[in-house]
Protein backbone atom coordinates (compact mmCIF):
# COMPACT_ATOMS: atom_id res chain seq x y z
CA MET A 1 120.39 126.14 105.50
CA LYS A 2 117.11 124.71 104.17
CA VAL A 3 117.45 122.55 101.09
CA GLU A 4 115.01 124.67 99.09
CA ASN A 5 117.46 127.56 99.44
CA ILE A 6 120.32 125.58 97.92
CA LYS A 7 119.97 126.07 94.17
CA THR A 8 123.48 125.89 92.76
CA LEU A 9 126.48 123.60 92.97
CA ALA A 10 128.44 126.28 94.84
CA GLU A 11 125.77 126.58 97.53
CA LEU A 12 125.66 122.78 97.85
CA LYS A 13 129.40 122.63 98.46
CA GLN A 14 129.21 125.44 101.01
CA SER A 15 126.42 123.67 102.90
CA GLY A 16 128.75 120.80 103.71
CA TRP A 17 126.48 118.22 102.12
CA VAL A 18 128.26 114.86 101.81
CA SER A 19 127.60 112.47 98.96
CA ARG A 20 126.73 108.86 99.96
CA SER A 21 125.70 105.77 98.06
CA ILE A 22 122.07 104.75 98.55
CA LYS A 23 123.12 101.60 100.36
CA ASP A 24 125.20 103.64 102.82
CA GLU A 25 122.30 106.07 103.19
CA LEU A 26 119.88 103.25 104.05
CA ARG A 27 122.42 101.67 106.39
CA ASP A 28 123.20 104.91 108.27
CA ASN A 29 119.54 105.84 108.72
CA LEU A 30 118.70 102.31 109.86
CA ARG A 31 121.52 102.42 112.43
CA THR A 32 120.10 105.69 113.77
CA LYS A 33 116.57 104.31 114.05
CA ILE A 34 117.73 101.16 115.80
CA LYS A 35 119.81 103.16 118.29
CA LEU A 36 116.84 105.41 119.06
CA GLY A 37 114.49 102.44 119.36
CA LYS A 38 112.22 103.73 116.60
CA PRO A 39 110.12 101.26 114.59
CA VAL A 40 111.42 100.78 111.07
CA PHE A 41 108.65 98.90 109.28
CA GLU A 42 105.46 100.26 110.83
CA GLY A 43 102.21 98.69 109.67
CA VAL A 44 103.82 95.30 108.93
CA HIS A 45 102.66 92.81 111.55
CA GLY A 46 103.85 89.33 112.49
CA PHE A 47 107.40 89.71 111.15
CA GLU A 48 108.94 91.33 114.24
CA ASN A 49 111.02 88.29 115.20
CA THR A 50 111.49 86.69 111.80
CA VAL A 51 111.49 88.68 108.56
CA ILE A 52 112.26 92.19 109.83
CA PRO A 53 115.51 91.26 111.67
CA GLU A 54 116.72 89.49 108.50
CA LEU A 55 115.78 92.49 106.37
CA GLU A 56 117.60 94.84 108.73
CA ARG A 57 120.70 92.64 108.60
CA ALA A 58 120.57 92.71 104.79
CA ILE A 59 120.35 96.52 104.75
CA LEU A 60 123.23 96.81 107.22
CA SER A 61 125.21 94.49 104.94
CA ARG A 62 124.46 96.72 101.90
CA HIS A 63 122.85 93.80 100.08
CA ASN A 64 120.41 93.68 97.22
CA ILE A 65 117.43 91.71 98.50
CA ASN A 66 115.07 89.02 97.25
CA LEU A 67 111.84 88.61 99.25
CA LEU A 68 110.62 85.06 98.64
CA GLY A 69 107.16 84.01 99.71
CA LEU A 70 103.63 83.03 98.75
CA ARG A 71 100.96 85.47 97.65
CA GLY A 72 99.74 88.07 100.12
CA GLN A 73 102.73 87.99 102.49
CA ALA A 74 103.46 91.75 102.45
CA LYS A 75 106.55 91.46 100.23
CA THR A 76 105.86 94.61 98.23
CA ARG A 77 104.76 96.47 101.36
CA LEU A 78 108.13 95.72 103.00
CA ALA A 79 109.95 97.05 99.95
CA ARG A 80 107.88 100.25 99.97
CA LYS A 81 108.51 100.74 103.66
CA MET A 82 112.24 101.03 102.90
CA ILE A 83 111.50 104.54 101.61
CA GLU A 84 111.33 105.62 105.27
CA LEU A 85 115.06 104.88 105.58
CA LEU A 86 116.00 107.40 102.89
CA ASP A 87 117.04 110.99 103.54
CA GLU A 88 114.13 113.43 103.32
CA TYR A 89 115.59 115.16 100.24
CA MET A 90 118.36 114.39 97.75
CA PRO A 91 120.10 116.84 95.38
CA ILE A 92 120.45 116.11 91.68
CA VAL A 93 121.76 118.04 88.70
CA ASP A 94 118.71 119.87 87.43
CA GLY A 95 117.54 118.36 84.14
CA SER A 96 119.37 115.05 84.58
CA GLU A 97 117.45 111.99 83.39
CA ILE A 98 119.28 109.67 85.76
CA ASN A 99 119.37 111.70 89.01
CA ASP A 100 123.04 112.63 88.69
CA ASP A 101 124.85 113.34 91.96
CA PRO A 102 126.09 116.94 91.60
CA LEU A 103 129.39 116.02 93.25
CA HIS A 104 129.86 112.79 91.27
CA PRO A 105 128.05 113.06 87.91
CA ILE A 106 128.02 110.00 85.67
CA SER A 107 125.95 111.00 82.62
CA ARG A 108 127.31 112.93 79.66
CA PHE A 109 124.59 115.55 80.13
CA ALA A 110 125.57 116.29 83.74
CA LYS A 111 129.30 116.27 83.06
CA ASP A 112 128.92 118.67 80.11
CA LEU A 113 126.62 120.97 82.12
CA ILE A 114 129.02 121.15 85.07
CA ALA A 115 131.95 121.71 82.70
CA GLU A 116 130.04 124.58 81.11
CA LYS A 117 128.53 126.28 84.18
CA GLY A 118 130.84 125.17 86.98
CA ASP A 119 129.65 126.22 90.43
CA ALA A 120 126.62 127.91 88.86
CA THR A 121 125.21 124.53 87.83
CA PRO A 122 121.54 124.45 88.89
CA ILE A 123 120.58 121.95 91.60
CA LYS A 124 117.18 120.35 92.12
CA TRP A 125 116.01 118.52 95.27
CA ILE A 126 113.78 115.45 95.09
CA HIS A 127 111.77 114.04 97.97
CA LYS A 128 112.32 110.49 99.22
CA SER A 129 108.82 109.50 98.05
CA ASP A 130 110.04 110.07 94.46
CA ARG A 131 113.00 107.75 94.94
CA PHE A 132 111.04 104.51 94.61
CA SER A 133 110.49 102.75 91.29
CA GLU A 134 108.57 99.55 90.79
CA LYS A 135 108.13 97.21 87.84
CA LEU A 136 105.94 94.13 87.62
CA ALA A 137 107.78 91.44 85.69
CA THR A 138 105.60 90.36 82.79
CA PRO A 139 106.53 88.25 79.75
CA ASP A 140 106.42 91.32 77.48
CA VAL A 141 109.13 93.24 79.40
CA THR A 142 112.15 93.97 77.19
CA VAL A 143 115.77 94.92 77.78
CA ALA A 144 114.94 98.31 76.26
CA ASP A 145 112.24 98.84 78.91
CA LEU A 146 114.59 98.13 81.78
CA ILE A 147 118.02 99.20 80.53
CA GLY A 148 117.53 101.39 77.46
CA ASP A 149 117.97 101.49 73.71
CA VAL A 150 119.00 103.71 70.82
CA ASP A 151 116.31 106.30 70.04
CA PRO A 152 116.19 106.96 66.28
CA ILE A 153 113.83 109.92 66.74
CA LYS A 154 116.28 111.58 69.11
CA ALA A 155 119.10 110.92 66.64
CA ALA A 156 117.11 112.50 63.82
CA ASN A 157 116.03 115.55 65.83
CA LEU A 158 119.54 116.22 67.13
CA LYS A 159 121.13 115.26 63.80
CA LEU A 160 123.44 112.85 65.53
CA SER A 161 125.08 109.63 64.40
CA TYR A 162 123.94 106.37 65.95
CA ALA A 163 127.50 106.10 67.27
CA ASP A 164 126.93 109.15 69.51
CA ASP A 165 125.90 108.18 73.06
CA ARG A 166 123.49 111.12 73.18
CA VAL A 167 121.03 109.11 71.07
CA ILE A 168 120.49 106.66 73.93
CA HIS A 169 117.09 106.55 75.59
CA PHE A 170 117.56 105.32 79.16
CA GLY A 171 115.28 102.62 80.53
CA MET A 172 113.60 102.37 83.93
CA ILE A 173 116.67 101.20 85.85
CA PRO A 174 119.09 104.02 84.87
CA ARG A 175 116.26 106.52 85.49
CA ALA A 176 116.00 105.09 89.01
CA ASN A 177 119.67 105.82 89.75
CA ARG A 178 120.19 106.58 93.47
CA CYS A 179 116.73 105.11 94.18
CA ILE A 180 115.13 101.90 95.41
CA PHE A 181 114.13 99.77 92.43
CA VAL A 182 111.69 96.88 92.91
CA ILE A 183 111.01 94.11 90.41
CA ASN A 184 107.91 92.16 91.46
CA GLU A 185 107.45 88.49 90.52
CA LEU A 186 111.04 88.12 89.31
CA PRO A 187 110.62 84.51 88.04
CA ASP A 188 108.11 85.80 85.46
CA LEU A 189 110.90 87.81 83.84
CA GLN A 190 112.26 85.95 80.82
CA ALA A 191 115.66 84.36 81.37
CA ARG A 192 117.35 86.50 78.69
CA ILE A 193 116.06 89.64 80.42
CA GLN A 194 117.33 88.40 83.77
CA VAL A 195 120.77 88.00 82.17
CA ALA A 196 120.72 91.73 81.31
CA LEU A 197 120.68 92.46 85.04
CA PHE A 198 123.96 90.65 85.76
CA ASN A 199 126.26 93.63 85.17
CA ILE A 200 124.03 96.08 87.01
CA LEU A 201 123.97 93.92 90.12
CA GLN A 202 127.65 93.01 90.16
CA GLU A 203 129.54 95.91 88.57
CA GLY A 204 126.88 98.61 88.77
CA ASP A 205 127.18 99.57 85.11
CA ILE A 206 124.92 99.15 82.09
CA GLN A 207 125.32 97.85 78.55
CA ILE A 208 123.21 99.31 75.76
CA ARG A 209 123.59 97.98 72.22
CA GLY A 210 127.19 98.43 71.08
CA PHE A 211 128.01 101.44 73.27
CA LYS A 212 130.98 101.25 75.58
CA LEU A 213 129.35 102.88 78.58
CA ARG A 214 130.79 102.97 82.04
CA MET A 215 127.99 104.33 84.19
CA PRO A 216 128.39 103.16 87.79
CA LEU A 217 124.71 103.26 88.76
CA ASP A 218 123.95 103.58 92.45
CA MET A 219 120.96 101.31 93.12
CA GLN A 220 119.20 99.43 95.87
CA PHE A 221 117.46 96.48 94.25
CA VAL A 222 114.61 94.64 95.91
CA PHE A 223 113.08 91.64 94.15
CA THR A 224 109.95 89.73 95.09
CA ALA A 225 109.15 86.20 94.03
CA ASN A 226 106.96 83.22 94.74
CA PRO A 227 108.74 79.94 95.53
CA GLU A 228 110.04 78.34 92.37
CA ASP A 229 108.20 75.08 93.00
CA TYR A 230 104.92 77.00 92.67
CA THR A 231 105.73 79.38 89.81
CA ASN A 232 105.35 77.32 86.66
CA ARG A 233 106.00 80.24 84.34
CA GLY A 234 109.73 80.43 84.98
CA SER A 235 112.43 80.62 87.61
CA ILE A 236 115.25 82.85 88.75
CA VAL A 237 118.36 81.95 86.78
CA THR A 238 121.17 80.72 89.01
CA PRO A 239 123.78 83.41 88.17
CA LEU A 240 121.24 86.10 89.03
CA LYS A 241 120.44 84.47 92.37
CA ASP A 242 124.17 84.35 93.02
CA ARG A 243 124.37 88.12 92.61
CA ILE A 244 121.54 88.90 95.05
CA GLY A 245 123.04 89.41 98.49
CA SER A 246 120.21 88.22 100.75
CA GLN A 247 117.20 86.03 100.11
CA ILE A 248 114.57 86.45 102.83
CA LEU A 249 111.65 84.09 103.32
CA THR A 250 108.32 85.67 104.26
CA HIS A 251 105.38 83.85 105.86
CA TYR A 252 101.72 84.16 106.77
CA PRO A 253 100.54 85.42 110.20
CA GLU A 254 101.25 82.80 112.83
CA THR A 255 98.31 83.64 115.10
CA VAL A 256 94.70 84.71 114.65
CA ALA A 257 95.41 87.83 116.75
CA ILE A 258 98.07 89.03 114.29
CA ALA A 259 95.80 88.21 111.34
CA ARG A 260 93.00 90.24 112.94
CA THR A 261 95.29 93.24 113.31
CA ILE A 262 96.24 93.06 109.63
CA THR A 263 92.63 92.71 108.48
CA HIS A 264 91.44 95.60 110.64
CA GLN A 265 94.26 97.78 109.29
CA GLU A 266 93.72 96.96 105.63
CA ALA A 267 89.92 96.64 105.33
CA LYS A 268 88.41 99.55 103.38
CA LEU A 269 85.51 100.62 105.57
CA ASP A 270 83.99 104.04 106.03
CA GLN A 271 82.91 105.39 109.40
CA GLN A 272 79.24 105.06 108.50
CA GLN A 273 79.62 101.32 107.90
CA SER A 274 81.68 100.80 111.04
CA ASP A 275 79.11 102.65 113.14
CA ALA A 276 76.15 100.79 111.64
CA VAL A 277 77.48 97.23 112.07
CA HIS A 278 78.72 95.72 115.32
CA VAL A 279 81.14 92.81 114.84
CA PRO A 280 81.53 90.47 117.85
CA ASN A 281 85.10 89.48 118.67
CA LEU A 282 84.24 85.83 118.06
CA ALA A 283 83.06 86.72 114.54
CA LYS A 284 86.40 88.43 113.83
CA ASP A 285 88.32 85.39 115.09
CA LEU A 286 86.19 82.95 113.09
CA LEU A 287 86.77 84.96 109.94
CA GLU A 288 90.55 84.80 110.39
CA GLN A 289 90.39 81.11 111.25
CA ILE A 290 88.89 80.46 107.82
CA SER A 291 92.21 81.43 106.21
CA PHE A 292 94.10 79.17 108.61
CA GLU A 293 91.76 76.30 107.72
CA ALA A 294 92.22 77.03 104.02
CA ARG A 295 96.01 76.73 104.30
CA GLU A 296 95.56 73.22 105.71
CA SER A 297 92.61 72.13 103.55
CA GLU A 298 92.90 69.01 101.42
CA TYR A 299 90.87 70.77 98.74
CA ILE A 300 93.27 73.70 98.31
CA ASP A 301 96.74 73.77 96.76
CA ASN A 302 98.97 74.77 99.68
CA LYS A 303 101.84 75.56 97.31
CA SER A 304 99.88 78.49 95.91
CA GLY A 305 99.10 79.84 99.37
CA VAL A 306 96.07 81.69 100.71
CA SER A 307 96.59 85.43 100.62
CA ALA A 308 95.89 87.72 103.56
CA ARG A 309 93.76 89.59 101.03
CA MET A 310 91.16 86.83 101.39
CA SER A 311 90.51 87.72 105.03
CA ILE A 312 90.45 91.42 104.23
CA THR A 313 87.88 91.14 101.43
CA ALA A 314 85.88 88.57 103.42
CA TYR A 315 85.68 91.00 106.34
CA GLU A 316 84.45 93.73 104.01
CA ASN A 317 81.84 91.34 102.59
CA LEU A 318 80.77 90.30 106.08
CA LEU A 319 80.01 93.86 107.12
CA SER A 320 78.32 94.58 103.81
CA THR A 321 76.06 91.53 104.25
CA ALA A 322 74.93 92.76 107.66
CA GLU A 323 74.63 96.35 106.40
CA ARG A 324 72.44 95.31 103.45
CA ARG A 325 70.17 93.30 105.75
CA ALA A 326 69.77 96.32 108.04
CA LEU A 327 69.00 98.60 105.09
CA LEU A 328 66.32 96.22 103.79
CA SER A 329 64.64 96.05 107.19
CA GLY A 330 64.90 99.80 107.75
CA GLU A 331 67.25 99.55 110.75
CA ASP A 332 70.04 102.03 111.47
CA LYS A 333 72.23 99.59 113.38
CA THR A 334 72.70 95.83 113.49
CA SER A 335 75.13 93.16 114.59
CA VAL A 336 76.83 90.49 112.52
CA ARG A 337 75.16 87.07 112.65
CA LEU A 338 76.77 83.73 111.96
CA SER A 339 74.42 83.21 109.02
CA ASP A 340 75.93 86.40 107.52
CA PHE A 341 79.10 84.38 106.92
CA MET A 342 77.41 82.91 103.84
CA GLY A 343 77.87 86.37 102.35
CA ILE A 344 81.67 86.02 102.35
CA ILE A 345 81.68 83.01 100.00
CA PRO A 346 82.36 85.18 96.90
CA ALA A 347 85.43 86.59 98.67
CA ILE A 348 86.75 83.06 99.21
CA THR A 349 86.02 81.31 95.92
CA GLY A 350 88.16 83.62 93.82
CA LYS A 351 91.15 83.58 96.12
CA VAL A 352 91.88 79.90 96.60
CA GLU A 353 93.49 77.59 94.07
CA LEU A 354 91.75 74.23 94.22
CA VAL A 355 93.36 70.84 93.69
CA TYR A 356 91.54 68.17 91.67
CA GLU A 357 89.36 67.03 94.59
CA GLY A 358 88.35 70.63 95.29
CA GLU A 359 87.44 71.20 91.64
CA GLN A 360 85.24 68.13 91.76
CA GLU A 361 83.39 69.39 94.84
CA GLY A 362 83.10 72.96 93.58
CA ALA A 363 84.44 76.26 94.91
CA ALA A 364 81.23 77.16 96.79
CA PHE A 365 81.20 73.81 98.61
CA VAL A 366 84.86 74.25 99.60
CA ALA A 367 84.15 77.76 100.92
CA GLU A 368 81.23 76.51 103.04
CA GLN A 369 83.41 73.67 104.30
CA LEU A 370 86.07 76.15 105.42
CA ILE A 371 83.47 78.10 107.41
CA SER A 372 82.31 74.84 109.00
CA ASP A 373 85.89 73.84 109.85
CA ALA A 374 86.52 77.22 111.50
CA ILE A 375 83.42 76.80 113.68
CA LYS A 376 84.45 73.26 114.60
CA THR A 377 87.95 74.40 115.54
CA TYR A 378 86.76 77.26 117.76
CA PHE A 379 83.83 75.54 119.49
CA PRO A 380 85.88 73.60 122.11
CA ALA A 381 87.58 76.85 123.16
CA PHE A 382 84.25 78.24 124.36
CA PHE A 383 82.22 75.23 125.43
CA PRO A 384 82.84 71.67 126.68
CA LYS A 385 84.17 69.27 124.13
CA ILE A 386 81.55 67.13 122.42
CA GLU A 387 82.48 63.47 122.28
CA LYS A 388 81.28 61.28 119.45
CA LEU A 389 80.07 58.64 121.87
CA GLU A 390 78.73 59.71 125.24
CA ARG A 391 77.96 57.10 127.91
CA ASP A 392 75.41 59.23 129.69
CA ALA A 393 73.72 61.58 127.25
CA GLU A 394 71.51 63.03 129.95
CA SER A 395 74.51 64.42 131.85
CA SER A 396 75.81 66.23 128.74
CA PRO A 397 75.93 70.05 129.01
CA TYR A 398 73.94 70.09 125.78
CA ALA A 399 71.22 67.63 126.85
CA LYS A 400 68.56 70.27 127.55
CA ILE A 401 69.21 72.03 124.23
CA LEU A 402 68.88 68.75 122.36
CA GLU A 403 65.71 67.89 124.30
CA TRP A 404 64.25 71.25 123.30
CA PHE A 405 64.86 70.54 119.62
CA PHE A 406 63.56 66.97 119.99
CA ALA A 407 60.26 68.38 121.30
CA GLU A 408 59.99 71.04 118.56
CA THR A 409 59.08 70.38 114.95
CA GLY A 410 61.50 72.96 113.58
CA PHE A 411 63.40 76.14 114.32
CA GLU A 412 64.21 78.69 111.61
CA LEU A 413 66.53 81.67 111.50
CA LEU A 414 65.50 83.82 108.55
CA ASP A 415 68.06 85.78 106.53
CA ASP A 416 66.01 88.99 106.45
CA ALA A 417 64.69 88.86 110.01
CA THR A 418 64.92 92.14 111.91
CA ASP A 419 67.16 92.25 114.95
CA GLU A 420 64.09 92.06 117.17
CA GLU A 421 62.75 88.98 115.38
CA TYR A 422 66.20 87.36 115.37
CA LYS A 423 66.67 87.85 119.12
CA LYS A 424 63.11 86.71 119.89
CA GLN A 425 63.66 83.51 117.91
CA LEU A 426 66.91 82.66 119.73
CA ASP A 427 65.40 83.54 123.11
CA GLU A 428 62.81 80.81 122.58
CA VAL A 429 65.58 78.25 123.07
CA LYS A 430 65.85 78.86 126.80
CA PRO A 431 68.66 76.30 127.43
CA LEU A 432 70.97 78.37 125.20
CA GLU A 433 71.00 81.23 127.71
CA ASP A 434 71.67 78.77 130.56
CA LEU A 435 74.63 77.26 128.68
CA ILE A 436 76.18 80.66 127.99
CA GLN A 437 75.60 81.81 131.55
CA LYS A 438 77.41 78.72 132.84
CA TYR A 439 80.40 78.61 130.48
CA GLN A 440 80.72 82.15 129.06
CA PRO A 441 79.13 84.43 131.70
CA GLU A 442 81.37 87.41 130.88
CA THR A 443 80.24 87.60 127.25
CA PRO A 444 79.12 91.21 126.49
CA LEU A 445 75.39 91.61 126.00
CA GLU A 446 75.79 92.72 122.39
CA ASP A 447 77.73 89.50 121.59
CA ARG A 448 75.45 86.99 123.35
CA TYR A 449 73.10 86.39 120.43
CA PHE A 450 75.98 85.68 118.08
CA LEU A 451 77.26 83.20 120.68
CA LYS A 452 73.83 81.56 120.88
CA GLU A 453 73.79 81.05 117.13
CA PHE A 454 77.38 79.82 117.32
CA VAL A 455 76.25 77.09 119.75
CA LEU A 456 73.63 75.89 117.26
CA TRP A 457 76.08 75.80 114.36
CA GLY A 458 78.64 74.06 116.59
CA LEU A 459 76.14 71.35 117.56
CA VAL A 460 75.48 70.82 113.84
CA GLU A 461 79.21 70.42 113.14
CA PHE A 462 79.51 67.82 115.89
CA ASP A 463 76.44 65.92 114.59
CA LYS A 464 74.11 66.76 117.45
CA LEU A 465 71.66 68.80 115.37
CA SER A 466 70.81 68.98 111.69
CA LYS A 467 70.84 72.17 109.64
CA ASP A 468 69.05 72.65 106.33
CA ARG A 469 69.04 75.57 103.99
CA VAL A 470 65.52 76.80 103.23
CA ASP A 471 64.61 79.49 100.71
CA VAL A 472 64.98 82.38 103.12
CA GLY A 473 67.15 81.09 105.96
CA TYR A 474 68.34 78.08 107.94
CA GLN A 475 66.27 75.44 109.71
CA PHE A 476 67.71 73.61 112.73
CA LYS A 477 66.26 70.25 113.82
CA ASP A 478 66.95 67.32 116.10
CA LEU A 479 68.87 64.68 114.16
CA TYR A 480 66.35 61.89 114.74
CA SER A 481 62.98 63.53 115.40
CA SER A 482 62.05 63.85 111.75
CA TYR A 483 62.83 60.18 111.23
CA ILE A 484 60.80 59.10 114.31
CA ASN A 485 57.83 61.28 113.29
CA LYS A 486 57.62 59.38 110.01
CA LEU A 487 57.23 56.03 111.77
């Protein structure tokens, strides 16, 4: 029988429906998925061998869970993905504020209704997507918000005494009975509010004002938190931590490949933008490497972390920079250039927390330094390593490129140059093509010009060329020719 056809308590009993706690429901459905080899947390990447097995063990153990990690580590996403482990539909007593189980009612309303109507009690079915509640812990959260309070208006309207439990207005947690309830940034919750959660976590009941209530709530709690050594606004009180079954540490992507997958999945791009802008694979890798460099940078507070959101917004900015350039020059299609990376600086500056030295240098300088560090890290993976001191400079793979710049007075790549002008300018440096043909011959044609520019920026980072910002672009020069020309 379809659930929509079951509308009374009698029909529910006849259907053979069995009442389960939410923790048993999650556990049973997880067991089924694991047996069938079905993915449980689709869309979450990089946690397959670390976080997800621990989370599955916690669910199998029927634990309340605390996800502990730095910003942008998919903590809330993991919690939301747990919805997929719920039954498709769940029956409740129609009209119940706290999702009463028709076979095991706990509220006065549901008990009175069943006592009055018996098997004719109306049943309502709610979808699993409606069984997820979330609350961001902020300093202004009160016990009344979470647990409940006496409602004087209800008392007046119903002409009831304050001693009557029907005057209670239930808070968010009782209203999320038989649901997954998430409290984000738990340490931000005031200590006295955390104390109010003790009974719910341990005994499953609630305490409101002076009422002697015994309401065994059926909840799956998931908390998220930043490490306590970073959060200076508060901490999780020890007795509350003691009542949380499993604490699971999250982490950032461990490889650039995983980070790329996340960025590609999360970036908000329309088809028109994707079709108009080609992004070389090297450009995608460099963009992800910037976040890896930021997490190791001496200018950035590593305790605060560098969110995966930085790479996502930077990628969006990168494509928008190239798209804007194409629109200005009247071109329908273009390819990302390395100089376009200057357009991602606004996506970096607001997402990193600088230490004192970084504040002294300035956020824009730190962002540019991260881009430079990413180029320097990736360069040896594509071309021969550049030594600081070379015994025979003439035998260097880069000798002909350096000779070309020594003979030229200057070489400029303009920000608003059309693709034709950009390619023509890079083609003038003939040794660049020879270098790529020797060391990266399989580079796709559409990526070769990005690689040529990458060589120039790499030679700058290893102090073989100089790079100066001019009003409308970048000028590359031999390190010593300008000095010699002055003599």
